[in-house]
Protein backbone atom coordinates (compact mmCIF):
# COMPACT_ATOMS: atom_id res chain seq x y z
CA MET A 1 -51.99 -15.61 30.47
CA ARG A 2 -53.30 -12.24 29.30
CA TYR A 3 -56.01 -12.40 26.68
CA PRO A 4 -55.20 -10.26 23.57
CA ASP A 5 -57.17 -7.27 22.57
CA LEU A 6 -58.89 -8.39 19.35
CA PRO A 7 -61.40 -6.87 16.90
CA GLY A 8 -64.97 -8.08 17.35
CA PRO A 9 -67.08 -10.15 14.86
CA CYS A 10 -66.18 -9.36 11.25
CA PRO A 11 -68.00 -10.68 8.11
CA PRO A 12 -65.35 -12.56 6.24
CA ARG A 13 -64.31 -11.54 2.76
CA PRO A 14 -63.47 -13.93 -0.05
CA GLY A 15 -60.03 -15.34 0.55
CA ASP A 16 -60.21 -14.97 4.33
CA LEU A 17 -59.37 -17.91 6.53
CA LEU A 18 -61.68 -18.83 9.43
CA PHE A 19 -60.04 -20.65 12.31
CA GLN A 20 -62.24 -22.58 14.68
CA HIS A 21 -62.38 -24.50 17.87
CA THR A 22 -65.01 -27.14 16.99
CA SER A 23 -65.51 -29.27 20.05
CA GLU A 24 -64.03 -31.00 23.14
CA GLU A 25 -64.66 -34.50 21.91
CA PRO A 26 -61.61 -36.78 22.11
CA GLY A 27 -60.73 -36.80 18.38
CA ARG A 28 -60.70 -33.00 18.24
CA ALA A 29 -58.91 -32.59 21.52
CA ALA A 30 -56.19 -34.88 20.17
CA ILE A 31 -55.69 -32.37 17.34
CA SER A 32 -55.95 -29.18 19.35
CA ARG A 33 -53.62 -30.30 22.20
CA ILE A 34 -50.64 -30.78 19.86
CA PHE A 35 -50.04 -27.18 18.86
CA SER A 36 -51.37 -23.84 20.08
CA GLY A 37 -52.57 -21.35 17.53
CA VAL A 38 -52.08 -17.59 17.31
CA HIS A 39 -52.15 -16.03 20.79
CA ASN A 40 -51.94 -19.65 22.12
CA PHE A 41 -55.58 -20.25 21.13
CA VAL A 42 -57.06 -23.70 20.98
CA ILE A 43 -57.70 -24.24 17.25
CA ASP A 44 -58.52 -27.51 15.50
CA HIS A 45 -60.09 -26.49 12.09
CA VAL A 46 -59.79 -23.97 9.30
CA ALA A 47 -62.04 -23.07 6.32
CA LEU A 48 -61.68 -20.70 3.33
CA CYS A 49 -64.20 -18.00 2.56
CA VAL A 50 -65.14 -18.20 -1.12
CA ALA A 51 -68.02 -15.72 -1.36
CA GLU A 52 -70.14 -13.63 0.93
CA GLY A 53 -71.51 -15.90 3.64
CA GLU A 54 -70.06 -19.02 1.95
CA LEU A 55 -67.01 -21.15 2.95
CA ILE A 56 -65.23 -24.23 1.73
CA GLU A 57 -63.91 -26.74 4.18
CA ALA A 58 -62.43 -30.24 4.26
CA ALA A 59 -64.31 -32.27 6.91
CA PRO A 60 -65.60 -35.81 6.97
CA PRO A 61 -66.66 -37.19 4.65
CA CYS A 62 -65.49 -34.78 1.93
CA VAL A 63 -64.53 -31.27 0.82
CA ARG A 64 -67.72 -29.24 0.84
CA GLN A 65 -69.22 -25.75 0.65
CA VAL A 66 -71.06 -24.59 3.78
CA SER A 67 -72.74 -21.42 4.85
CA LEU A 68 -71.08 -19.13 7.35
CA GLU A 69 -74.15 -19.54 9.56
CA ARG A 70 -73.75 -23.39 9.62
CA PHE A 71 -69.98 -23.06 10.24
CA LEU A 72 -70.59 -20.80 13.25
CA ASP A 73 -73.30 -23.12 14.51
CA ASN A 74 -70.81 -26.03 14.47
CA SER A 75 -68.31 -24.19 16.65
CA HIS A 76 -67.52 -24.70 20.29
CA ARG A 77 -69.03 -21.90 22.37
CA ASP A 78 -67.52 -19.59 25.01
CA LYS A 79 -69.16 -18.86 28.31
CA ALA A 80 -71.34 -16.22 26.70
CA GLY A 81 -72.55 -18.72 24.03
CA ARG A 82 -70.52 -17.16 21.21
CA PRO A 83 -68.70 -19.33 18.61
CA ARG A 84 -65.04 -19.67 18.92
CA VAL A 85 -64.14 -18.54 15.46
CA LEU A 86 -61.31 -16.25 14.29
CA VAL A 87 -61.28 -14.39 10.94
CA CYS A 88 -57.83 -13.91 9.40
CA ARG A 89 -56.90 -12.10 6.18
CA VAL A 90 -53.99 -12.79 3.87
CA SER A 91 -51.76 -9.69 3.83
CA ASP A 92 -51.19 -7.89 0.53
CA ALA A 93 -53.22 -10.38 -1.54
CA GLY A 94 -54.54 -8.94 -4.73
CA ASP A 95 -57.96 -9.78 -6.23
CA ASP A 96 -56.40 -12.03 -8.89
CA HIS A 97 -54.49 -13.91 -6.20
CA ILE A 98 -57.65 -14.39 -4.10
CA GLU A 99 -59.68 -15.55 -7.12
CA THR A 100 -57.07 -18.14 -8.11
CA ALA A 101 -56.97 -19.58 -4.56
CA ILE A 102 -60.76 -19.78 -4.41
CA THR A 103 -60.99 -21.39 -7.89
CA ARG A 104 -58.46 -24.02 -6.82
CA ALA A 105 -60.38 -24.86 -3.63
CA VAL A 106 -63.80 -24.98 -5.47
CA LYS A 107 -62.31 -27.64 -7.76
CA ARG A 108 -61.78 -29.88 -4.71
CA ILE A 109 -65.47 -29.93 -3.71
CA GLY A 110 -66.63 -33.49 -3.38
CA MET A 111 -63.13 -34.99 -3.06
CA PRO A 112 -62.81 -37.29 -0.02
CA TYR A 113 -61.59 -36.20 3.40
CA ASN A 114 -58.04 -37.31 4.12
CA GLU A 115 -58.48 -39.20 7.36
CA THR A 116 -54.89 -40.48 7.49
CA TYR A 117 -53.29 -37.00 7.07
CA MET A 118 -50.75 -38.55 4.81
CA PRO A 119 -49.40 -36.47 1.93
CA CYS A 120 -51.92 -36.84 -0.89
CA THR A 121 -53.44 -34.92 -3.76
CA LYS A 122 -56.66 -36.97 -4.11
CA SER A 123 -58.01 -36.35 -0.61
CA TRP A 124 -57.71 -33.37 1.81
CA TYR A 125 -57.86 -32.42 5.43
CA CYS A 126 -58.69 -28.86 6.52
CA SER A 127 -55.26 -27.18 6.53
CA SER A 128 -53.95 -29.09 3.57
CA LEU A 129 -56.89 -27.86 1.41
CA VAL A 130 -56.29 -24.22 2.36
CA ILE A 131 -52.50 -24.38 2.01
CA ASP A 132 -52.83 -26.02 -1.47
CA ALA A 133 -55.20 -23.27 -2.61
CA TRP A 134 -52.93 -20.47 -1.55
CA GLN A 135 -49.70 -22.19 -2.62
CA TYR A 136 -51.17 -22.60 -6.10
CA ALA A 137 -52.17 -18.99 -6.23
CA HIS A 138 -48.69 -17.94 -5.09
CA PHE A 139 -47.15 -20.15 -7.80
CA CYS A 140 -49.38 -18.62 -10.50
CA SER A 141 -48.50 -15.04 -9.45
CA LYS A 142 -44.82 -15.52 -8.67
CA PRO A 143 -43.50 -18.70 -10.34
CA HIS A 144 -39.87 -17.64 -9.80
CA LEU A 145 -40.54 -17.77 -6.03
CA SER A 146 -42.62 -20.93 -5.98
CA SER A 147 -39.96 -23.00 -4.24
CA GLN A 148 -40.21 -20.73 -1.23
CA GLY A 149 -43.89 -21.53 -0.80
CA PHE A 150 -46.52 -19.21 0.65
CA PHE A 151 -47.65 -20.98 3.90
CA LYS A 152 -45.10 -23.20 5.45
CA GLU A 153 -45.77 -26.93 5.63
CA THR A 154 -44.79 -28.52 8.90
CA PRO A 155 -44.00 -32.18 9.91
CA LEU A 156 -47.01 -34.14 11.15
CA GLU A 157 -47.02 -34.28 14.92
CA PHE A 158 -48.84 -36.78 17.16
CA ARG A 159 -46.86 -36.57 20.37
CA ASP A 160 -48.24 -35.12 23.54
CA PRO A 161 -46.38 -31.92 24.44
CA ALA A 162 -46.50 -32.85 28.13
CA THR A 163 -44.83 -36.31 27.72
CA GLY A 164 -43.13 -36.31 24.29
CA SER A 165 -44.79 -39.65 23.53
CA VAL A 166 -47.34 -40.38 20.84
CA MET A 167 -50.82 -39.97 22.25
CA GLU A 168 -52.81 -43.13 22.95
CA PHE A 169 -55.62 -41.79 20.88
CA TRP A 170 -53.39 -41.68 17.79
CA LYS A 171 -51.92 -45.07 18.42
CA GLU A 172 -55.32 -46.59 18.46
CA TYR A 173 -56.52 -44.45 15.52
CA TYR A 174 -53.83 -45.79 13.24
CA GLN A 175 -53.93 -49.32 14.58
CA GLU A 176 -57.59 -49.45 13.46
CA ARG A 177 -56.38 -48.44 10.00
CA GLU A 178 -53.46 -50.93 10.10
CA MET A 179 -51.02 -48.12 9.71
CA GLU A 180 -47.93 -46.79 11.49
CA VAL A 181 -48.38 -43.32 13.08
CA PRO A 182 -46.98 -41.01 10.31
CA GLN A 183 -45.00 -38.94 12.85
CA GLY A 184 -42.69 -36.42 11.13
CA LEU A 185 -44.03 -36.81 7.61
CA PRO A 186 -44.82 -33.57 5.63
CA GLY A 187 -48.08 -32.05 6.58
CA SER A 188 -49.77 -29.10 8.32
CA HIS A 189 -51.89 -28.11 11.32
CA PRO A 190 -54.58 -25.41 11.44
CA ALA A 191 -53.22 -23.96 14.70
CA LEU A 192 -49.68 -23.51 13.25
CA LEU A 193 -51.25 -22.06 10.12
CA SER A 194 -53.02 -19.41 12.24
CA ARG A 195 -49.67 -18.26 13.51
CA SER A 196 -48.32 -17.44 9.98
CA GLU A 197 -46.83 -14.04 9.54
CA THR A 198 -48.71 -13.78 6.22
CA LEU A 199 -52.08 -13.54 8.17
CA GLU A 200 -53.71 -10.64 10.02
CA VAL A 201 -56.48 -11.18 12.58
CA VAL A 202 -59.41 -9.04 11.47
CA GLY A 203 -62.24 -10.44 13.57
CA SER A 204 -63.14 -12.67 16.50
CA TYR A 205 -66.58 -14.02 17.19
CA GLY A 206 -65.96 -15.44 20.69
CA ILE A 207 -63.41 -15.84 23.47
CA PHE A 208 -60.98 -18.66 22.79
CA GLN A 209 -59.49 -21.07 25.32
CA GLN A 210 -55.70 -20.72 25.55
CA LEU A 211 -53.11 -23.48 25.80
CA LYS A 212 -50.21 -23.00 28.24
CA HIS A 213 -47.65 -24.61 25.90
CA ASN A 214 -46.48 -23.03 22.64
CA ARG A 215 -44.76 -25.87 20.80
CA THR A 216 -43.34 -24.84 17.35
């Protein structure tokens, strides 16, 4: 699979989305194996840039503000030791639009992480936080188009692309929480979000691994 020709490291601007491959530990691999991201990249996390060198992310135990330096340090590394982080910019977003999305995300700081991934407005996981912020900004700027959304939500998916069956990791994960696997409920995934036509890749810090499958 040919690796794409991408721009090099780029300091993110407010409103940019930073997509990340965080680690190879089983819980993260169970997320990244489900869908491939833009260019079939392995992606399991996303954060929103809210100021120069500052990001907001939803990660256990809660929504938090982190420095770009810390975010990069928490990334999986390529063979050259570079963090696997991609910087994407929302196309044609005005300053007011960006400010509204950031303000929305900032208000979520301190709210708990949504470890069940179920639809909820009192707790958040990474892509649900980012989508909510930009959906709200879209609604405020174009209320007559709000029903069309900005970033598409996608059904929650827990099946292994190779077998079509729910992964054992997720069966055990939800058994521990005395819940059914919420297969097919409304949700989102950072890898799918990275493939949005609304986004433009403006920077890449490292070389990403690529998945062979491209489930949509």
